[in-house]
Amino acid sequence: MLTLPNLLTLSRILAVPILVFLLWKPGWYDYAVTFVLYCLVGITDYFDGYLARAQGTVSRLGVFLDPIADKIMVAAVIVMLAARPGSDGTPIIADWHLIPALVILLREIIVSGLREFLAGLRISVPVSQLAKWKTTLQLVSLGALILAGALPSWSWVYLFGVVCLWAAAALTLLTGWDYLRVGLRHMD
């Protein structure tokens, strides 16, 4: 049975193709619309978990879909911001700022594989509070970078976004190491 929290999580997954479509075009207006949608989708990330816990409707489907929805959205936005030109003709995530973007993407792939491996051993690795902060910082940084595409004359928005992107990458490495340490204990 689909609960409201699960529907909110599914709405995040369904919003990803719309976000990709909007980021395909480099106009400031497209970035502004994308920013609004991105914020709405980000808010559902908070409310799906909050409602599931408050209503006592935490489900296996929700536990499964929530991290997938986060990873799909973050990965899609990173790829689009790195691949498509912004309103000034250059990608928003470029040059040295591709490093934290790659760190985030690679960590998500590694941790997903590690979780699958550990699940086969019936070992669960709960999401840490630090990992939740990592996700929040990733969402904030990408939101700021989308907003920077809508407001290219506000250079501080872009600067805030890239600083948060680097900070998110640092937290990404820390939380990735935590998962890897647990996984290494169970490898022969």
C-alpha atoms as a PDB file:
ATOM      1  CA  MET A   1       0.000   0.000   0.000  1.00  0.00           C
ATOM      2  CA  LEU A   2       1.300   3.440  -0.903  1.00  0.00           C
ATOM      3  CA  THR A   3       1.356   5.835   2.013  1.00  0.00           C
ATOM      4  CA  LEU A   4       1.655   9.623   1.768  1.00  0.00           C
ATOM      5  CA  PRO A   5       5.380   9.493   2.640  1.00  0.00           C
ATOM      6  CA  ASN A   6       5.958   6.908  -0.112  1.00  0.00           C
ATOM      7  CA  LEU A   7       4.030   9.062  -2.591  1.00  0.00           C
ATOM      8  CA  LEU A   8       6.213  12.037  -1.678  1.00  0.00           C
ATOM      9  CA  THR A   9       9.327   9.933  -2.276  1.00  0.00           C
ATOM     10  CA  LEU A  10       7.967   8.724  -5.618  1.00  0.00           C
ATOM     11  CA  SER A  11       7.184  12.330  -6.580  1.00  0.00           C
ATOM     12  CA  ARG A  12      10.891  13.133  -6.131  1.00  0.00           C
ATOM     13  CA  ILE A  13      11.838  10.342  -8.504  1.00  0.00           C
ATOM     14  CA  LEU A  14       9.216  11.429 -11.046  1.00  0.00           C
ATOM     15  CA  ALA A  15      10.416  15.045 -10.840  1.00  0.00           C
ATOM     16  CA  VAL A  16      13.950  14.154 -11.976  1.00  0.00           C
ATOM     17  CA  PRO A  17      13.138  13.990 -15.723  1.00  0.00           C
ATOM     18  CA  ILE A  18      11.429  17.385 -15.426  1.00  0.00           C
ATOM     19  CA  LEU A  19      14.494  18.836 -13.685  1.00  0.00           C
ATOM     20  CA  VAL A  20      16.738  17.405 -16.419  1.00  0.00           C
ATOM     21  CA  PHE A  21      14.512  18.861 -19.142  1.00  0.00           C
ATOM     22  CA  LEU A  22      14.529  22.305 -17.523  1.00  0.00           C
ATOM     23  CA  LEU A  23      18.303  22.247 -17.037  1.00  0.00           C
ATOM     24  CA  TRP A  24      18.785  21.315 -20.684  1.00  0.00           C
ATOM     25  CA  LYS A  25      18.125  24.905 -21.731  1.00  0.00           C
ATOM     26  CA  PRO A  26      20.602  27.556 -20.555  1.00  0.00           C
ATOM     27  CA  GLY A  27      18.260  30.510 -20.075  1.00  0.00           C
ATOM     28  CA  TRP A  28      17.925  32.299 -16.745  1.00  0.00           C
ATOM     29  CA  TYR A  29      14.178  31.691 -16.812  1.00  0.00           C
ATOM     30  CA  ASP A  30      14.681  27.919 -17.109  1.00  0.00           C
ATOM     31  CA  TYR A  31      17.060  27.998 -14.150  1.00  0.00           C
ATOM     32  CA  ALA A  32      14.547  30.020 -12.123  1.00  0.00           C
ATOM     33  CA  VAL A  33      11.745  27.514 -12.801  1.00  0.00           C
ATOM     34  CA  THR A  34      14.146  24.660 -12.079  1.00  0.00           C
ATOM     35  CA  PHE A  35      15.127  26.271  -8.775  1.00  0.00           C
ATOM     36  CA  VAL A  36      11.493  26.509  -7.654  1.00  0.00           C
ATOM     37  CA  LEU A  37      10.795  22.877  -8.611  1.00  0.00           C
ATOM     38  CA  TYR A  38      14.066  21.749  -7.025  1.00  0.00           C
ATOM     39  CA  CYS A  39      13.114  23.468  -3.749  1.00  0.00           C
ATOM     40  CA  LEU A  40       9.694  21.809  -3.745  1.00  0.00           C
ATOM     41  CA  VAL A  41      11.270  18.432  -4.414  1.00  0.00           C
ATOM     42  CA  GLY A  42      13.871  19.037  -1.700  1.00  0.00           C
ATOM     43  CA  ILE A  43      11.160  19.867   0.819  1.00  0.00           C
ATOM     44  CA  THR A  44       9.490  16.516   0.102  1.00  0.00           C
ATOM     45  CA  ASP A  45      12.766  14.848   1.108  1.00  0.00           C
ATOM     46  CA  TYR A  46      12.304  16.244   4.597  1.00  0.00           C
ATOM     47  CA  PHE A  47       8.578  15.656   4.869  1.00  0.00           C
ATOM     48  CA  ASP A  48       8.448  12.074   3.624  1.00  0.00           C
ATOM     49  CA  GLY A  49      10.688  10.879   6.459  1.00  0.00           C
ATOM     50  CA  TYR A  50       9.093  13.168   9.027  1.00  0.00           C
ATOM     51  CA  LEU A  51       5.568  12.030   8.156  1.00  0.00           C
ATOM     52  CA  ALA A  52       6.527   8.356   8.057  1.00  0.00           C
ATOM     53  CA  ARG A  53       7.987   8.562  11.565  1.00  0.00           C
ATOM     54  CA  ALA A  54       5.213  10.797  12.949  1.00  0.00           C
ATOM     55  CA  GLN A  55       2.440   8.589  11.542  1.00  0.00           C
ATOM     56  CA  GLY A  56       4.234   5.347  12.364  1.00  0.00           C
ATOM     57  CA  THR A  57       4.092   4.355   8.682  1.00  0.00           C
ATOM     58  CA  VAL A  58       7.775   3.721   8.040  1.00  0.00           C
ATOM     59  CA  SER A  59       7.752   1.040   5.358  1.00  0.00           C
ATOM     60  CA  ARG A  60      10.297  -1.150   3.631  1.00  0.00           C
ATOM     61  CA  LEU A  61       9.351   0.528   0.365  1.00  0.00           C
ATOM     62  CA  GLY A  62      10.085   3.956   1.845  1.00  0.00           C
ATOM     63  CA  VAL A  63      13.364   2.825   3.399  1.00  0.00           C
ATOM     64  CA  PHE A  64      14.330   1.420  -0.021  1.00  0.00           C
ATOM     65  CA  LEU A  65      13.150   4.337  -2.188  1.00  0.00           C
ATOM     66  CA  ASP A  66      14.242   7.342  -0.111  1.00  0.00           C
ATOM     67  CA  PRO A  67      18.010   7.002  -0.603  1.00  0.00           C
ATOM     68  CA  ILE A  68      17.471   6.062  -4.250  1.00  0.00           C
ATOM     69  CA  ALA A  69      15.405   9.202  -4.813  1.00  0.00           C
ATOM     70  CA  ASP A  70      18.143  11.315  -3.213  1.00  0.00           C
ATOM     71  CA  LYS A  71      20.899   9.733  -5.285  1.00  0.00           C
ATOM     72  CA  ILE A  72      18.984   9.960  -8.569  1.00  0.00           C
ATOM     73  CA  MET A  73      18.167  13.618  -8.042  1.00  0.00           C
ATOM     74  CA  VAL A  74      21.662  14.620  -6.909  1.00  0.00           C
ATOM     75  CA  ALA A  75      23.357  12.670  -9.717  1.00  0.00           C
ATOM     76  CA  ALA A  76      21.044  14.032 -12.421  1.00  0.00           C
ATOM     77  CA  VAL A  77      21.494  17.635 -11.303  1.00  0.00           C
ATOM     78  CA  ILE A  78      25.279  17.302 -11.019  1.00  0.00           C
ATOM     79  CA  VAL A  79      25.520  15.811 -14.501  1.00  0.00           C
ATOM     80  CA  MET A  80      23.295  18.507 -16.011  1.00  0.00           C
ATOM     81  CA  LEU A  81      25.119  21.382 -14.288  1.00  0.00           C
ATOM     82  CA  ALA A  82      28.445  19.964 -15.486  1.00  0.00           C
ATOM     83  CA  ALA A  83      27.352  19.034 -19.005  1.00  0.00           C
ATOM     84  CA  ARG A  84      25.125  21.876 -20.158  1.00  0.00           C
ATOM     85  CA  PRO A  85      26.194  25.485 -20.621  1.00  0.00           C
ATOM     86  CA  GLY A  86      24.854  28.075 -18.242  1.00  0.00           C
ATOM     87  CA  SER A  87      23.450  31.382 -19.418  1.00  0.00           C
ATOM     88  CA  ASP A  88      27.023  32.645 -19.959  1.00  0.00           C
ATOM     89  CA  GLY A  89      27.867  29.683 -22.224  1.00  0.00           C
ATOM     90  CA  THR A  90      30.011  27.698 -19.753  1.00  0.00           C
ATOM     91  CA  PRO A  91      28.832  24.866 -17.494  1.00  0.00           C
ATOM     92  CA  ILE A  92      27.994  25.890 -13.937  1.00  0.00           C
ATOM     93  CA  ILE A  93      30.089  23.048 -12.522  1.00  0.00           C
ATOM     94  CA  ALA A  94      33.390  23.208 -14.394  1.00  0.00           C
ATOM     95  CA  ASP A  95      37.148  23.107 -13.982  1.00  0.00           C
ATOM     96  CA  TRP A  96      38.293  22.353 -10.410  1.00  0.00           C
ATOM     97  CA  HIS A  97      34.702  22.213  -9.183  1.00  0.00           C
ATOM     98  CA  LEU A  98      34.271  18.966 -11.117  1.00  0.00           C
ATOM     99  CA  ILE A  99      36.402  17.302  -8.427  1.00  0.00           C
ATOM    100  CA  PRO A 100      33.833  17.537  -5.608  1.00  0.00           C
ATOM    101  CA  ALA A 101      31.079  16.639  -8.074  1.00  0.00           C
ATOM    102  CA  LEU A 102      32.966  13.476  -9.047  1.00  0.00           C
ATOM    103  CA  VAL A 103      33.694  12.656  -5.399  1.00  0.00           C
ATOM    104  CA  ILE A 104      29.968  12.837  -4.664  1.00  0.00           C
ATOM    105  CA  LEU A 105      29.004  10.703  -7.667  1.00  0.00           C
ATOM    106  CA  LEU A 106      31.691   8.071  -7.083  1.00  0.00           C
ATOM    107  CA  ARG A 107      30.924   7.771  -3.371  1.00  0.00           C
ATOM    108  CA  GLU A 108      27.243   7.207  -4.111  1.00  0.00           C
ATOM    109  CA  ILE A 109      28.096   4.397  -6.540  1.00  0.00           C
ATOM    110  CA  ILE A 110      30.565   2.781  -4.131  1.00  0.00           C
ATOM    111  CA  VAL A 111      28.236   2.995  -1.132  1.00  0.00           C
ATOM    112  CA  SER A 112      25.321   1.620  -3.160  1.00  0.00           C
ATOM    113  CA  GLY A 113      27.431  -1.380  -4.170  1.00  0.00           C
ATOM    114  CA  LEU A 114      28.648  -1.808  -0.616  1.00  0.00           C
ATOM    115  CA  ARG A 115      25.094  -1.690   0.761  1.00  0.00           C
ATOM    116  CA  GLU A 116      24.063  -4.349  -1.764  1.00  0.00           C
ATOM    117  CA  PHE A 117      27.003  -6.535  -0.741  1.00  0.00           C
ATOM    118  CA  LEU A 118      26.229  -6.136   2.956  1.00  0.00           C
ATOM    119  CA  ALA A 119      22.519  -6.785   2.371  1.00  0.00           C
ATOM    120  CA  GLY A 120      23.495 -10.152   0.890  1.00  0.00           C
ATOM    121  CA  LEU A 121      25.197 -10.887   4.218  1.00  0.00           C
ATOM    122  CA  ARG A 122      22.078  -9.631   6.045  1.00  0.00           C
ATOM    123  CA  ILE A 123      24.021  -6.744   7.539  1.00  0.00           C
ATOM    124  CA  SER A 124      22.226  -3.437   7.736  1.00  0.00           C
ATOM    125  CA  VAL A 125      24.111  -0.165   7.898  1.00  0.00           C
ATOM    126  CA  PRO A 126      21.817   2.527   9.246  1.00  0.00           C
ATOM    127  CA  VAL A 127      22.057   6.038   7.865  1.00  0.00           C
ATOM    128  CA  SER A 128      24.095   8.170  10.235  1.00  0.00           C
ATOM    129  CA  GLN A 129      23.268  11.708  11.278  1.00  0.00           C
ATOM    130  CA  LEU A 130      26.405  12.843   9.450  1.00  0.00           C
ATOM    131  CA  ALA A 131      25.122  11.189   6.256  1.00  0.00           C
ATOM    132  CA  LYS A 132      21.871  13.123   6.642  1.00  0.00           C
ATOM    133  CA  TRP A 133      23.843  16.357   6.943  1.00  0.00           C
ATOM    134  CA  LYS A 134      25.836  15.317   3.870  1.00  0.00           C
ATOM    135  CA  THR A 135      22.644  14.907   1.864  1.00  0.00           C
ATOM    136  CA  THR A 136      21.313  18.233   3.119  1.00  0.00           C
ATOM    137  CA  LEU A 137      24.534  20.012   2.174  1.00  0.00           C
ATOM    138  CA  GLN A 138      24.495  18.388  -1.266  1.00  0.00           C
ATOM    139  CA  LEU A 139      20.915  19.547  -1.825  1.00  0.00           C
ATOM    140  CA  VAL A 140      21.694  23.084  -0.626  1.00  0.00           C
ATOM    141  CA  SER A 141      24.823  23.363  -2.780  1.00  0.00           C
ATOM    142  CA  LEU A 142      23.060  22.173  -5.918  1.00  0.00           C
ATOM    143  CA  GLY A 143      20.087  24.439  -5.215  1.00  0.00           C
ATOM    144  CA  ALA A 144      22.430  27.416  -4.905  1.00  0.00           C
ATOM    145  CA  LEU A 145      24.178  26.478  -8.156  1.00  0.00           C
ATOM    146  CA  ILE A 146      20.828  26.222  -9.951  1.00  0.00           C
ATOM    147  CA  LEU A 147      19.874  29.623  -8.524  1.00  0.00           C
ATOM    148  CA  ALA A 148      23.240  30.985  -9.725  1.00  0.00           C
ATOM    149  CA  GLY A 149      22.147  30.039 -13.239  1.00  0.00           C
ATOM    150  CA  ALA A 150      19.014  32.142 -12.780  1.00  0.00           C
ATOM    151  CA  LEU A 151      20.908  35.052 -11.218  1.00  0.00           C
ATOM    152  CA  PRO A 152      24.312  35.149 -12.933  1.00  0.00           C
ATOM    153  CA  SER A 153      24.980  38.726 -11.797  1.00  0.00           C
ATOM    154  CA  TRP A 154      24.768  37.637  -8.147  1.00  0.00           C
ATOM    155  CA  SER A 155      28.232  36.078  -7.963  1.00  0.00           C
ATOM    156  CA  TRP A 156      27.908  35.420  -4.225  1.00  0.00           C
ATOM    157  CA  VAL A 157      25.176  32.821  -4.937  1.00  0.00           C
ATOM    158  CA  TYR A 158      27.570  30.889  -7.162  1.00  0.00           C
ATOM    159  CA  LEU A 159      30.376  31.225  -4.606  1.00  0.00           C
ATOM    160  CA  PHE A 160      28.067  29.965  -1.842  1.00  0.00           C
ATOM    161  CA  GLY A 161      27.084  27.023  -4.056  1.00  0.00           C
ATOM    162  CA  VAL A 162      30.635  25.932  -4.853  1.00  0.00           C
ATOM    163  CA  VAL A 163      31.791  26.344  -1.235  1.00  0.00           C
ATOM    164  CA  CYS A 164      28.876  24.142  -0.144  1.00  0.00           C
ATOM    165  CA  LEU A 165      29.703  21.681  -2.950  1.00  0.00           C
ATOM    166  CA  TRP A 166      33.264  21.309  -1.660  1.00  0.00           C
ATOM    167  CA  ALA A 167      32.000  20.981   1.932  1.00  0.00           C
ATOM    168  CA  ALA A 168      29.475  18.368   0.801  1.00  0.00           C
ATOM    169  CA  ALA A 169      32.285  16.460  -0.914  1.00  0.00           C
ATOM    170  CA  ALA A 170      34.290  16.490   2.332  1.00  0.00           C
ATOM    171  CA  LEU A 171      31.312  15.089   4.263  1.00  0.00           C
ATOM    172  CA  THR A 172      30.777  12.637   1.407  1.00  0.00           C
ATOM    173  CA  LEU A 173      34.313  11.295   1.895  1.00  0.00           C
ATOM    174  CA  LEU A 174      33.844  11.028   5.670  1.00  0.00           C
ATOM    175  CA  THR A 175      30.552   9.168   5.456  1.00  0.00           C
ATOM    176  CA  GLY A 176      31.850   7.005   2.621  1.00  0.00           C
ATOM    177  CA  TRP A 177      34.798   6.004   4.787  1.00  0.00           C
ATOM    178  CA  ASP A 178      32.393   5.085   7.611  1.00  0.00           C
ATOM    179  CA  TYR A 179      30.481   2.741   5.290  1.00  0.00           C
ATOM    180  CA  LEU A 180      33.691   1.308   3.847  1.00  0.00           C
ATOM    181  CA  ARG A 181      35.071   0.528   7.329  1.00  0.00           C
ATOM    182  CA  VAL A 182      31.935  -1.449   8.169  1.00  0.00           C
ATOM    183  CA  GLY A 183      32.096  -3.251   4.828  1.00  0.00           C
ATOM    184  CA  LEU A 184      35.784  -4.141   5.139  1.00  0.00           C
ATOM    185  CA  ARG A 185      35.095  -5.932   8.433  1.00  0.00           C
ATOM    186  CA  HIS A 186      32.814  -8.355   6.573  1.00  0.00           C
ATOM    187  CA  MET A 187      34.994  -9.064   3.538  1.00  0.00           C
ATOM    188  CA  ASP A 188      37.162 -12.179   3.423  1.00  0.00           C
END
